[in-house]
Amino acid sequence: MADSQPGIATQLRQLYQSVQDEAIPDRFLSLLEKLDQAEQQADQALRIKDSAQ
């Protein structure tokens, strides 16, 4: 069993590297951008509400 561990570790490193190298899908990037915009709007609305009090 000890002989198979270095092979497994190498395969896991290769798998991890291949995932890191994958491009982020455009649809996911678009969703992240919309989330950022919604958070900015919520923060801005909260600041306006706090300054009105």
Protein backbone atom coordinates (compact mmCIF):
# COMPACT_ATOMS: atom_id res chain seq x y z
CA MET A 1 0.00 0.00 0.00
CA ALA A 2 2.89 2.38 0.73
CA ASP A 3 4.03 2.00 -2.89
CA SER A 4 0.70 3.31 -4.23
CA GLN A 5 0.67 6.51 -2.15
CA PRO A 6 3.24 8.48 -4.18
CA GLY A 7 1.24 7.66 -7.31
CA ILE A 8 -1.96 8.86 -5.70
CA ALA A 9 -0.29 12.05 -4.47
CA THR A 10 1.03 12.76 -7.94
CA GLN A 11 -2.38 12.16 -9.49
CA LEU A 12 -4.06 14.43 -6.95
CA ARG A 13 -1.53 17.20 -7.67
CA GLN A 14 -2.16 16.85 -11.40
CA LEU A 15 -5.93 16.94 -10.89
CA TYR A 16 -5.69 20.01 -8.65
CA GLN A 17 -3.45 21.75 -11.18
CA SER A 18 -5.83 20.98 -14.05
CA VAL A 19 -8.74 22.47 -12.08
CA GLN A 20 -6.70 25.59 -11.32
CA ASP A 21 -5.89 26.00 -15.00
CA GLU A 22 -9.54 25.84 -16.12
CA ALA A 23 -11.12 29.08 -17.23
CA ILE A 24 -14.05 30.47 -15.28
CA PRO A 25 -17.24 30.17 -17.37
CA ASP A 26 -18.66 33.48 -18.63
CA ARG A 27 -22.04 32.73 -17.05
CA PHE A 28 -20.43 32.34 -13.63
CA LEU A 29 -18.45 35.57 -14.07
CA SER A 30 -21.67 37.36 -14.99
CA LEU A 31 -23.38 36.06 -11.85
CA LEU A 32 -20.45 37.20 -9.71
CA GLU A 33 -20.63 40.66 -11.29
CA LYS A 34 -24.36 40.89 -10.56
CA LEU A 35 -23.73 39.86 -6.96
CA ASP A 36 -21.07 42.55 -6.58
CA GLN A 37 -23.45 45.16 -7.97
CA ALA A 38 -26.26 44.07 -5.64
CA GLU A 39 -23.91 44.24 -2.63
CA GLN A 40 -22.74 47.72 -3.62
CA GLN A 41 -26.34 48.91 -3.99
CA ALA A 42 -27.29 47.43 -0.62
CA ASP A 43 -24.28 49.09 1.05
CA GLN A 44 -25.13 52.40 -0.58
CA ALA A 45 -28.79 52.16 0.49
CA LEU A 46 -27.71 51.36 4.05
CA ARG A 47 -25.37 54.37 4.13
CA ILE A 48 -28.15 56.65 2.87
CA LYS A 49 -30.55 55.26 5.48
CA ASP A 50 -27.99 55.70 8.27
CA SER A 51 -27.18 59.28 7.24
CA ALA A 52 -30.89 60.20 7.16
CA GLN A 53 -31.33 59.26 10.82
